[in-house]
N, C-alpha and C. Protein backbone atom coordinates (compact mmCIF):
# COMPACT_ATOMS: atom_id res chain seq x y z
N SER A 1 126.25 100.49 86.31
CA SER A 1 127.12 100.87 85.38
C SER A 1 126.96 102.35 84.87
N HIS A 2 125.86 102.90 85.23
CA HIS A 2 125.68 104.27 84.86
C HIS A 2 126.49 105.26 85.94
N VAL A 3 126.56 104.75 87.17
CA VAL A 3 127.27 105.51 88.05
C VAL A 3 128.86 105.30 87.88
N ARG A 4 129.27 104.12 87.39
CA ARG A 4 130.64 103.79 87.19
C ARG A 4 131.27 104.67 85.92
N HIS A 5 130.23 104.80 85.03
CA HIS A 5 130.72 105.62 83.84
C HIS A 5 130.80 107.22 84.14
N ALA A 6 129.99 107.67 85.06
CA ALA A 6 130.02 109.02 85.37
C ALA A 6 130.88 109.43 86.73
N TRP A 7 131.67 108.34 87.23
CA TRP A 7 132.47 108.54 88.29
C TRP A 7 133.85 109.26 88.01
N ASP A 8 134.15 110.31 88.86
CA ASP A 8 135.29 110.97 88.61
C ASP A 8 136.30 110.50 89.89
N PRO A 9 137.48 109.79 89.64
CA PRO A 9 138.19 109.43 90.48
C PRO A 9 138.99 110.46 91.27
N ALA A 10 139.00 111.75 90.79
CA ALA A 10 139.79 112.89 91.46
C ALA A 10 138.82 113.46 92.73
N LYS A 11 137.46 113.05 92.68
CA LYS A 11 136.46 113.51 93.70
C LYS A 11 136.33 112.54 94.72
N SER A 12 135.95 113.05 95.69
CA SER A 12 135.50 112.16 96.89
C SER A 12 134.21 111.52 96.49
N VAL A 13 133.80 110.39 97.41
CA VAL A 13 132.71 109.61 97.21
C VAL A 13 131.40 110.64 97.35
N ALA A 14 131.39 111.42 98.38
CA ALA A 14 130.34 112.29 98.60
C ALA A 14 130.24 113.43 97.44
N GLN A 15 131.35 113.88 96.97
CA GLN A 15 131.20 114.83 95.87
C GLN A 15 130.57 114.19 94.63
N ASN A 16 131.21 112.86 94.25
CA ASN A 16 130.59 112.26 93.10
C ASN A 16 129.11 111.89 93.28
N LEU A 17 128.75 111.48 94.35
CA LEU A 17 127.28 111.28 94.58
C LEU A 17 126.45 112.42 94.38
N ALA A 18 126.95 113.46 95.02
CA ALA A 18 126.19 114.80 95.15
C ALA A 18 126.08 115.34 93.49
N ASP A 19 127.08 115.15 92.90
CA ASP A 19 127.04 115.62 91.44
C ASP A 19 126.02 114.77 90.71
N MET A 20 125.70 113.62 91.05
CA MET A 20 124.85 112.67 90.26
C MET A 20 123.47 112.93 90.94
N GLY A 21 123.26 113.66 91.94
CA GLY A 21 121.95 113.68 92.62
C GLY A 21 121.57 112.57 93.39
N LEU A 22 122.61 111.81 93.87
CA LEU A 22 122.42 110.71 94.74
C LEU A 22 122.76 111.06 96.18
N ALA A 23 122.35 110.46 97.13
CA ALA A 23 122.69 110.64 98.64
C ALA A 23 123.77 109.74 99.09
N GLU A 24 124.60 110.43 99.81
CA GLU A 24 125.78 109.44 100.35
C GLU A 24 125.22 108.94 101.73
N ASP A 25 124.50 109.63 102.66
CA ASP A 25 123.90 109.30 103.67
C ASP A 25 122.46 109.12 103.60
N PRO A 26 121.77 108.04 103.58
CA PRO A 26 120.35 108.30 103.58
C PRO A 26 119.59 108.73 104.80
N ASN A 27 120.22 108.77 105.84
CA ASN A 27 119.68 109.42 107.07
C ASN A 27 119.67 110.90 106.99
N LYS A 28 120.66 111.43 106.31
CA LYS A 28 120.65 112.82 105.98
C LYS A 28 119.76 113.26 104.85
N ALA A 29 119.59 112.49 103.86
CA ALA A 29 118.86 112.84 102.73
C ALA A 29 117.28 112.83 103.04
N VAL A 30 116.92 111.93 103.89
CA VAL A 30 115.42 111.83 104.26
C VAL A 30 115.46 111.87 105.80
N PRO A 31 115.47 112.94 106.47
CA PRO A 31 115.53 112.97 108.01
C PRO A 31 114.25 112.54 108.61
N ILE A 32 114.45 112.04 109.74
CA ILE A 32 113.33 111.63 110.54
C ILE A 32 112.79 112.78 111.33
N PRO A 33 111.52 113.30 111.10
CA PRO A 33 111.22 114.46 111.78
C PRO A 33 111.21 114.10 113.38
N LYS A 34 111.63 115.12 114.21
CA LYS A 34 111.60 114.93 115.58
C LYS A 34 110.13 115.27 116.02
N LYS A 35 109.76 114.60 117.25
CA LYS A 35 108.44 114.80 117.73
C LYS A 35 108.44 116.14 118.43
N LYS A 36 107.31 116.68 118.22
CA LYS A 36 107.23 118.18 118.77
C LYS A 36 107.20 118.19 120.26
N LEU A 37 107.84 118.98 120.86
CA LEU A 37 107.97 119.24 122.35
C LEU A 37 106.79 119.89 122.80
N LEU A 38 106.20 119.27 123.78
CA LEU A 38 104.97 119.81 124.62
C LEU A 38 104.45 121.10 124.12
N GLY A 39 103.82 121.13 122.99
CA GLY A 39 103.15 122.24 122.54
C GLY A 39 104.01 123.22 121.82
N ALA A 40 105.28 123.21 121.75
CA ALA A 40 106.15 124.03 121.07
C ALA A 40 106.18 123.73 119.56
N GLU A 41 106.22 124.66 118.81
CA GLU A 41 106.26 124.57 117.23
C GLU A 41 107.53 124.68 116.79
N MET A 42 108.01 123.64 116.16
CA MET A 42 109.38 123.59 115.61
C MET A 42 109.27 123.82 114.06
N GLU A 43 109.99 124.76 113.49
CA GLU A 43 109.96 124.88 112.03
C GLU A 43 111.27 124.39 111.41
N ILE A 44 111.05 123.44 110.50
CA ILE A 44 112.28 122.79 109.86
C ILE A 44 112.06 123.03 108.45
N ASP A 45 113.20 123.92 108.02
CA ASP A 45 113.25 124.30 106.66
C ASP A 45 114.60 123.86 106.12
N GLY A 46 114.74 122.56 105.98
CA GLY A 46 116.01 122.05 105.51
C GLY A 46 116.27 121.99 103.95
N GLN A 47 115.22 122.20 103.26
CA GLN A 47 115.26 122.27 101.80
C GLN A 47 116.13 123.36 101.20
N GLU A 48 116.04 124.49 101.80
CA GLU A 48 116.75 125.64 101.31
C GLU A 48 118.39 125.58 101.75
N LYS A 49 118.59 125.17 102.93
CA LYS A 49 120.18 125.19 103.19
C LYS A 49 120.87 123.92 102.78
N GLY A 50 120.11 122.95 102.56
CA GLY A 50 120.89 121.56 101.94
C GLY A 50 120.46 121.49 100.52
N LYS A 51 120.30 122.52 99.80
CA LYS A 51 120.14 122.48 98.36
C LYS A 51 121.40 122.40 97.59
N LYS A 52 121.76 121.48 96.75
CA LYS A 52 122.75 121.37 95.94
C LYS A 52 122.62 121.18 94.54
N THR A 53 123.38 121.69 93.72
CA THR A 53 123.04 121.62 92.21
C THR A 53 123.63 120.33 91.79
N VAL A 54 122.73 119.51 90.84
CA VAL A 54 123.15 118.45 90.37
C VAL A 54 123.87 118.50 88.95
N ARG A 55 124.99 118.14 88.81
CA ARG A 55 125.68 118.46 87.69
C ARG A 55 125.61 117.26 86.60
N LYS A 56 125.36 116.09 87.11
CA LYS A 56 125.05 115.00 86.05
C LYS A 56 123.86 114.31 86.25
N PRO A 57 122.85 115.14 86.07
CA PRO A 57 121.38 114.53 86.08
C PRO A 57 121.10 113.47 85.19
N TYR A 58 121.88 113.18 84.22
CA TYR A 58 121.48 112.12 83.24
C TYR A 58 121.63 110.67 83.99
N VAL A 59 122.55 110.59 84.82
CA VAL A 59 122.88 109.28 85.72
C VAL A 59 121.46 109.04 86.44
N LEU A 60 120.96 110.00 86.98
CA LEU A 60 119.73 109.72 87.90
C LEU A 60 118.59 109.41 86.87
N ASN A 61 118.45 110.14 85.74
CA ASN A 61 117.42 109.76 84.75
C ASN A 61 117.45 108.27 84.20
N GLU A 62 118.75 107.94 83.80
CA GLU A 62 119.03 106.67 83.19
C GLU A 62 118.71 105.55 84.26
N MET A 63 119.08 105.83 85.65
CA MET A 63 118.91 104.76 86.54
C MET A 63 117.24 104.58 86.81
N GLU A 64 116.50 105.70 86.73
CA GLU A 64 114.99 105.94 87.00
C GLU A 64 114.44 105.05 85.84
N TYR A 65 115.00 105.31 84.59
CA TYR A 65 114.31 104.58 83.47
C TYR A 65 114.53 103.24 83.54
N GLU A 66 115.75 102.66 83.88
CA GLU A 66 116.17 101.28 84.03
C GLU A 66 115.25 100.62 85.15
N ALA A 67 114.90 101.36 86.02
CA ALA A 67 114.18 100.81 87.27
C ALA A 67 112.72 100.74 86.86
N SER A 68 112.20 101.47 85.93
CA SER A 68 110.67 101.44 85.42
C SER A 68 110.47 100.43 84.40
N LEU A 69 111.51 99.71 83.87
CA LEU A 69 111.32 98.75 83.01
C LEU A 69 110.84 97.49 83.52
N PRO A 70 109.85 96.67 82.91
CA PRO A 70 109.33 95.49 83.44
C PRO A 70 110.40 94.43 83.78
N GLU A 71 110.37 93.84 84.76
CA GLU A 71 111.34 92.74 85.10
C GLU A 71 110.99 91.56 84.23
N LYS A 72 112.17 90.99 83.77
CA LYS A 72 112.11 89.67 82.99
C LYS A 72 112.26 88.66 84.00
N LYS A 73 111.33 87.63 83.69
CA LYS A 73 111.32 86.45 84.55
C LYS A 73 112.13 85.49 83.91
N SER A 74 113.03 84.85 84.46
CA SER A 74 113.80 83.90 83.83
C SER A 74 113.88 82.64 84.74
N ASN A 75 112.68 82.06 84.98
CA ASN A 75 112.79 80.83 85.71
C ASN A 75 113.13 79.55 84.97
N THR A 76 114.44 79.10 85.39
CA THR A 76 114.90 77.95 84.75
C THR A 76 115.39 76.96 85.78
N LEU A 77 115.53 75.57 85.31
CA LEU A 77 116.01 74.82 86.38
C LEU A 77 117.48 74.73 86.06
N SER A 78 118.01 74.13 87.06
CA SER A 78 119.67 73.94 86.95
C SER A 78 119.83 72.68 86.05
N ARG A 79 121.06 72.81 85.28
CA ARG A 79 121.52 71.79 84.44
C ARG A 79 121.62 70.53 85.24
N ASP A 80 122.03 70.58 86.39
CA ASP A 80 122.33 69.32 87.19
C ASP A 80 120.83 68.60 87.38
N LEU A 81 119.87 69.47 87.75
CA LEU A 81 118.42 68.93 87.92
C LEU A 81 117.89 68.25 86.76
N ILE A 82 118.03 68.97 85.69
CA ILE A 82 117.53 68.48 84.41
C ILE A 82 118.30 67.14 83.87
N ASP A 83 119.62 67.01 84.13
CA ASP A 83 120.17 65.76 83.77
C ASP A 83 119.79 64.63 84.80
N TYR A 84 119.64 64.95 86.11
CA TYR A 84 119.23 63.92 87.00
C TYR A 84 118.01 63.41 86.77
N VAL A 85 116.92 64.20 86.35
CA VAL A 85 115.62 63.74 86.05
C VAL A 85 115.48 62.96 84.92
N ARG A 86 116.29 63.39 83.89
CA ARG A 86 116.30 62.72 82.67
C ARG A 86 117.01 61.33 82.74
N TYR A 87 118.06 61.23 83.53
CA TYR A 87 118.61 59.97 83.79
C TYR A 87 117.72 59.16 84.59
N MET A 88 116.92 59.53 85.60
CA MET A 88 116.09 58.63 86.28
C MET A 88 114.94 58.14 85.40
N ILE A 89 114.45 58.96 84.62
CA ILE A 89 113.19 58.61 83.63
C ILE A 89 113.86 57.72 82.62
N GLN A 90 115.05 57.94 82.21
CA GLN A 90 115.54 56.94 81.01
C GLN A 90 115.84 55.53 81.69
N ASN A 91 116.30 55.51 82.83
CA ASN A 91 116.68 54.20 83.40
C ASN A 91 115.63 53.45 84.21
N HIS A 92 114.57 54.31 84.77
CA HIS A 92 113.58 53.70 85.59
C HIS A 92 112.19 53.77 85.25
N GLY A 93 111.92 54.69 84.24
CA GLY A 93 110.59 55.01 83.85
C GLY A 93 109.81 55.74 84.73
N GLU A 94 108.66 55.02 85.43
CA GLU A 94 107.79 55.73 86.41
C GLU A 94 108.11 54.91 87.63
N ASN A 95 109.05 54.15 87.89
CA ASN A 95 109.12 53.42 89.16
C ASN A 95 110.02 54.37 90.11
N TYR A 96 109.37 55.08 90.94
CA TYR A 96 109.97 55.99 91.89
C TYR A 96 110.70 55.36 93.09
N LYS A 97 110.18 54.09 93.47
CA LYS A 97 110.99 53.57 94.46
C LYS A 97 112.24 52.92 93.99
N GLU A 98 112.43 52.50 92.76
CA GLU A 98 113.56 51.94 92.10
C GLU A 98 114.60 53.21 92.10
N MET A 99 113.95 54.32 91.63
CA MET A 99 114.82 55.68 91.45
C MET A 99 115.45 56.09 92.74
N ALA A 100 114.74 55.72 93.90
CA ALA A 100 115.29 56.17 95.27
C ALA A 100 116.39 55.35 95.50
N ARG A 101 116.46 54.04 95.06
CA ARG A 101 117.53 53.08 95.43
C ARG A 101 118.65 53.22 94.38
N ASP A 102 118.58 54.01 93.45
CA ASP A 102 119.71 54.13 92.31
C ASP A 102 120.90 54.84 92.96
N GLU A 103 122.01 54.43 92.46
CA GLU A 103 123.29 54.83 93.01
C GLU A 103 123.61 56.32 92.76
N LYS A 104 122.88 56.84 91.55
CA LYS A 104 122.99 58.22 91.30
C LYS A 104 122.20 59.23 92.19
N ASN A 105 121.33 58.64 92.96
CA ASN A 105 120.62 59.42 93.84
C ASN A 105 121.44 59.90 95.17
N TYR A 106 122.19 60.99 94.64
CA TYR A 106 123.38 61.28 95.64
C TYR A 106 122.69 61.98 96.82
N TYR A 107 121.54 62.76 96.78
CA TYR A 107 121.08 63.41 97.83
C TYR A 107 120.10 62.65 98.62
N GLN A 108 120.04 61.28 98.35
CA GLN A 108 119.00 60.26 98.95
C GLN A 108 117.72 60.75 99.10
N ASP A 109 117.22 61.22 97.82
CA ASP A 109 115.81 61.59 97.80
C ASP A 109 114.88 60.52 97.94
N THR A 110 113.78 60.78 98.62
CA THR A 110 112.75 59.71 98.83
C THR A 110 111.84 59.62 97.49
N PRO A 111 111.28 58.63 97.31
CA PRO A 111 110.43 58.46 96.17
C PRO A 111 109.52 59.68 95.76
N LYS A 112 108.78 60.25 96.80
CA LYS A 112 107.89 61.24 96.78
C LYS A 112 108.85 62.62 96.38
N GLN A 113 109.96 62.85 96.92
CA GLN A 113 110.84 64.00 96.40
C GLN A 113 111.28 63.86 94.81
N ILE A 114 111.62 62.59 94.55
CA ILE A 114 111.90 62.37 93.09
C ILE A 114 110.72 62.75 92.07
N LYS A 115 109.59 62.23 92.63
CA LYS A 115 108.45 62.62 91.82
C LYS A 115 108.12 64.08 91.83
N ARG A 116 108.36 64.82 92.91
CA ARG A 116 108.07 66.12 92.91
C ARG A 116 109.15 66.87 91.81
N LYS A 117 110.40 66.40 91.85
CA LYS A 117 111.36 67.02 90.98
C LYS A 117 111.07 66.70 89.53
N ILE A 118 110.49 65.40 89.19
CA ILE A 118 110.01 65.17 87.89
C ILE A 118 108.90 66.14 87.49
N ASN A 119 107.94 66.21 88.52
CA ASN A 119 106.73 67.10 88.13
C ASN A 119 107.11 68.44 87.78
N VAL A 120 108.22 69.00 88.57
CA VAL A 120 108.85 70.38 88.30
C VAL A 120 109.27 70.42 86.94
N TYR A 121 110.11 69.53 86.55
CA TYR A 121 110.70 69.45 85.13
C TYR A 121 109.57 69.36 84.23
N LYS A 122 108.43 68.53 84.39
CA LYS A 122 107.38 68.57 83.46
C LYS A 122 106.77 69.91 83.34
N ASN A 123 106.53 70.69 84.49
CA ASN A 123 105.74 71.98 84.39
C ASN A 123 106.74 72.98 83.55
N PHE A 124 108.04 72.89 83.81
CA PHE A 124 108.90 73.98 83.29
C PHE A 124 109.16 73.56 81.80
N TYR A 125 109.39 72.54 81.33
CA TYR A 125 109.66 72.15 80.02
C TYR A 125 108.67 71.17 79.39
N PRO A 126 107.44 71.41 79.28
CA PRO A 126 106.49 70.33 78.85
C PRO A 126 106.72 69.72 77.42
N GLU A 127 107.03 70.60 76.38
CA GLU A 127 107.56 70.16 75.21
C GLU A 127 108.74 69.26 75.14
N GLU A 128 109.75 69.53 75.92
CA GLU A 128 111.02 68.93 76.12
C GLU A 128 110.59 67.48 76.63
N TYR A 129 109.86 67.47 77.73
CA TYR A 129 109.65 66.30 78.48
C TYR A 129 108.86 65.31 77.40
N LYS A 130 107.97 65.87 76.65
CA LYS A 130 107.09 64.98 75.81
C LYS A 130 107.97 64.41 74.70
N ASP A 131 108.86 65.23 74.23
CA ASP A 131 109.81 64.72 73.20
C ASP A 131 110.71 63.66 73.79
N PHE A 132 111.08 63.99 74.96
CA PHE A 132 112.06 62.98 75.58
C PHE A 132 111.41 61.57 75.79
N VAL A 133 110.22 61.68 76.31
CA VAL A 133 109.51 60.37 76.58
C VAL A 133 109.21 59.74 75.28
N ALA A 134 108.74 60.56 74.19
CA ALA A 134 108.54 59.91 72.89
C ALA A 134 109.78 59.20 72.23
N SER A 135 110.96 59.82 72.55
CA SER A 135 112.31 59.33 72.12
C SER A 135 112.50 57.93 72.86
N LEU A 136 112.24 57.90 74.15
CA LEU A 136 112.42 56.67 74.93
C LEU A 136 111.63 55.50 74.43
N LYS A 137 110.40 55.91 74.07
CA LYS A 137 109.47 54.94 73.50
C LYS A 137 109.86 54.50 72.21
N GLN A 138 110.43 55.22 71.45
CA GLN A 138 110.84 54.93 70.09
C GLN A 138 112.09 54.01 70.10
N GLU A 139 113.08 54.34 71.10
CA GLU A 139 114.23 53.48 71.29
C GLU A 139 113.77 52.07 71.84
N LYS A 140 112.72 51.89 72.70
CA LYS A 140 112.12 50.66 73.10
C LYS A 140 111.62 49.82 71.98
N MET A 141 111.03 50.63 71.08
CA MET A 141 110.33 49.75 69.91
C MET A 141 111.50 49.38 68.93
N ASP A 142 112.68 50.21 68.85
CA ASP A 142 113.58 49.82 67.82
C ASP A 142 114.47 48.64 68.47
N VAL A 143 114.50 48.52 69.87
CA VAL A 143 115.33 47.28 70.43
C VAL A 143 114.51 46.10 70.18
N GLN A 144 113.16 46.15 70.39
CA GLN A 144 112.37 44.90 70.32
C GLN A 144 112.15 44.54 68.85
């Protein structure tokens, strides 16, 4: 988004990136040094001839700041998996063999696979799982 806001449509890609302090061609920005020829010394001084002025340094600074922020971990389960697990627990309780034979078992999961999915749900949402099981027990008591 920082690059998009600083982009000048009247300039070429190379000119825009150079103004922001970014490289168009990474191979030219960080050249691979050639191996020395049998004892001959090569002097490469590419910094002086390739030096360009950065006219929009704020873009580079904002990108560096954004990259330095800690990454937010947002591990969640898909809504389909949550609905699937809740349906199976609601209709079959802890009977995994019966769950495997259920018509809603579209992916033909084995009892072990279903158990694993339920355990993943338990680990991701322990409070929600406890509340869900408690509500099922309450419904059974109300029915009896």
